[in-house]
Protein backbone atom coordinates (compact mmCIF):
# COMPACT_ATOMS: atom_id res chain seq x y z
CA MET A 1 14.38 28.08 -4.30
CA THR A 2 14.79 27.79 -0.67
CA SER A 3 12.29 27.22 1.93
CA SER A 4 12.68 30.82 3.20
CA HIS A 5 11.32 32.10 -0.17
CA SER A 6 8.94 29.43 -0.96
CA GLN A 7 5.15 30.52 -1.04
CA PRO A 8 2.88 29.01 1.57
CA LEU A 9 0.91 26.27 0.05
CA GLY A 10 -2.07 26.13 2.55
CA PRO A 11 -3.22 29.79 2.20
CA ILE A 12 -2.84 29.54 -1.40
CA ILE A 13 -5.14 26.64 -1.83
CA VAL A 14 -7.67 28.46 0.62
CA LEU A 15 -7.32 31.45 -1.58
CA VAL A 16 -7.94 29.67 -4.97
CA ALA A 17 -10.68 27.49 -3.61
CA ALA A 18 -12.54 30.41 -1.93
CA ALA A 19 -12.25 32.59 -5.00
CA ALA A 20 -13.71 29.54 -7.00
CA GLY A 21 -16.56 29.69 -4.31
CA VAL A 22 -17.17 33.58 -4.97
CA LEU A 23 -17.40 32.78 -8.78
CA LEU A 24 -19.50 29.53 -8.42
CA GLY A 25 -21.85 31.61 -6.11
CA LEU A 26 -22.17 34.52 -8.71
CA ASP A 27 -22.75 32.03 -11.43
CA TYR A 28 -25.50 30.19 -9.35
CA TYR A 29 -27.14 33.78 -8.37
CA PHE A 30 -27.09 35.24 -11.93
CA THR A 31 -27.39 32.14 -14.12
CA PRO A 32 -31.17 31.34 -14.97
CA LEU A 33 -32.76 27.96 -14.58
CA THR A 34 -30.24 26.95 -11.64
CA GLY A 35 -33.06 26.86 -9.26
CA ILE A 36 -31.54 29.17 -6.84
CA THR A 37 -31.10 32.29 -9.10
CA GLY A 38 -31.63 35.48 -7.06
CA ALA A 39 -31.90 33.50 -3.74
CA PRO A 40 -30.79 35.33 -0.66
CA GLY A 41 -28.88 32.11 0.50
CA VAL A 42 -26.75 32.37 -2.52
CA LEU A 43 -25.87 35.89 -1.46
CA LEU A 44 -24.81 34.63 1.94
CA VAL A 45 -22.62 31.89 0.42
CA ILE A 46 -20.96 34.45 -1.75
CA GLY A 47 -20.23 36.87 1.31
CA SER A 48 -18.92 33.91 3.29
CA SER A 49 -16.62 32.90 0.34
CA LEU A 50 -15.43 36.43 0.08
CA ALA A 51 -14.70 36.23 3.99
CA LEU A 52 -12.63 33.16 3.41
CA VAL A 53 -10.63 34.99 0.65
CA LEU A 54 -9.85 37.55 3.32
CA ASP A 55 -9.03 34.81 5.81
CA ALA A 56 -6.54 33.48 3.21
CA PHE A 57 -4.71 36.50 3.10
CA ILE A 58 -4.60 36.93 6.82
CA LEU A 59 -3.17 33.41 7.18
CA TRP A 60 -0.77 34.06 4.24
CA PHE A 61 0.83 37.35 5.59
CA GLY A 62 0.21 36.95 9.40
CA GLY A 63 2.66 35.30 11.66
CA ARG A 64 2.22 32.07 13.86
CA GLY A 65 0.96 33.58 17.07
CA TRP A 66 -2.46 33.57 18.72
CA LEU A 67 -3.91 35.68 15.82
CA PHE A 68 -3.08 32.84 13.52
CA GLY A 69 -4.97 30.47 15.67
CA VAL A 70 -8.17 32.82 15.88
CA PHE A 71 -8.23 33.22 12.11
CA TRP A 72 -7.54 29.56 11.39
CA ALA A 73 -10.37 28.70 13.46
CA LEU A 74 -12.68 31.36 11.91
CA GLY A 75 -11.91 29.99 8.56
CA LEU A 76 -12.61 26.57 9.69
CA LEU A 77 -15.97 27.71 11.05
CA GLY A 78 -16.56 29.84 8.04
CA ALA A 79 -15.89 26.82 5.62
CA LEU A 80 -18.20 24.78 7.81
CA GLY A 81 -21.03 27.25 7.49
CA THR A 82 -20.37 27.71 3.83
CA ILE A 83 -20.38 24.03 2.99
CA VAL A 84 -23.72 23.58 5.06
CA ALA A 85 -25.33 26.44 3.17
CA ALA A 86 -24.13 25.10 -0.24
CA TRP A 87 -25.72 21.68 0.81
CA PHE A 88 -28.86 23.26 1.59
CA LEU A 89 -28.89 25.03 -1.69
CA HIS A 90 -27.94 21.95 -3.62
CA ALA A 91 -24.97 23.78 -5.08
CA TRP A 92 -22.77 20.65 -5.29
CA TRP A 93 -19.89 22.37 -7.13
CA LEU A 94 -19.74 25.13 -4.63
CA ALA A 95 -19.67 22.49 -1.70
CA ALA A 96 -16.69 20.83 -3.51
CA ALA A 97 -14.79 24.06 -3.86
CA ILE A 98 -15.25 24.51 -0.02
CA VAL A 99 -13.93 21.06 0.52
CA PHE A 100 -10.68 22.30 -0.97
CA VAL A 101 -10.77 25.20 1.53
CA PHE A 102 -10.99 22.65 4.37
CA ALA A 103 -7.86 20.90 2.64
CA GLY A 104 -6.10 24.20 2.38
CA LEU A 105 -6.68 25.14 6.20
CA ILE A 106 -5.30 21.68 7.14
CA VAL A 107 -2.15 22.10 4.93
CA THR A 108 -1.82 25.59 6.55
CA LEU A 109 -1.98 24.24 10.09
CA ALA A 110 0.50 21.60 9.23
CA GLY A 111 2.97 24.14 7.47
CA PRO A 112 6.16 25.56 8.96
CA SER A 113 6.00 27.54 12.15
CA HIS A 114 8.39 30.33 11.11
CA PRO A 115 6.74 33.59 9.96
CA ARG A 116 7.22 34.71 6.42
CA ARG A 117 9.85 37.19 5.81
CA ALA A 118 9.71 39.88 3.22
CA ALA A 119 12.18 39.58 0.32
CA ALA A 120 14.89 42.22 0.48
């Protein structure tokens, strides 16, 4: 497998961790006796995790121009806001998942600077 056909590791980490955040948020929202069942703050965290999933796809399929920088910065701000909300909700597993989103964003930034090419 050559580097031109390899999958970008950073956006995959962001995608998996943000999807885990969505699933954890849904679990916290619907499972009785979590202490935050039905809380509006959990809906906010679910929405922000969904936005991070979308951000992962944009970083995965987008190029490395100014749009990449905008969505990388938005992902960083979204992850920061999500982890703060998870902290306030005492949703520790969710906060841990978003730490992996941070790691994926760092890996994405350190990744190769050439845009992905579609396979022929």
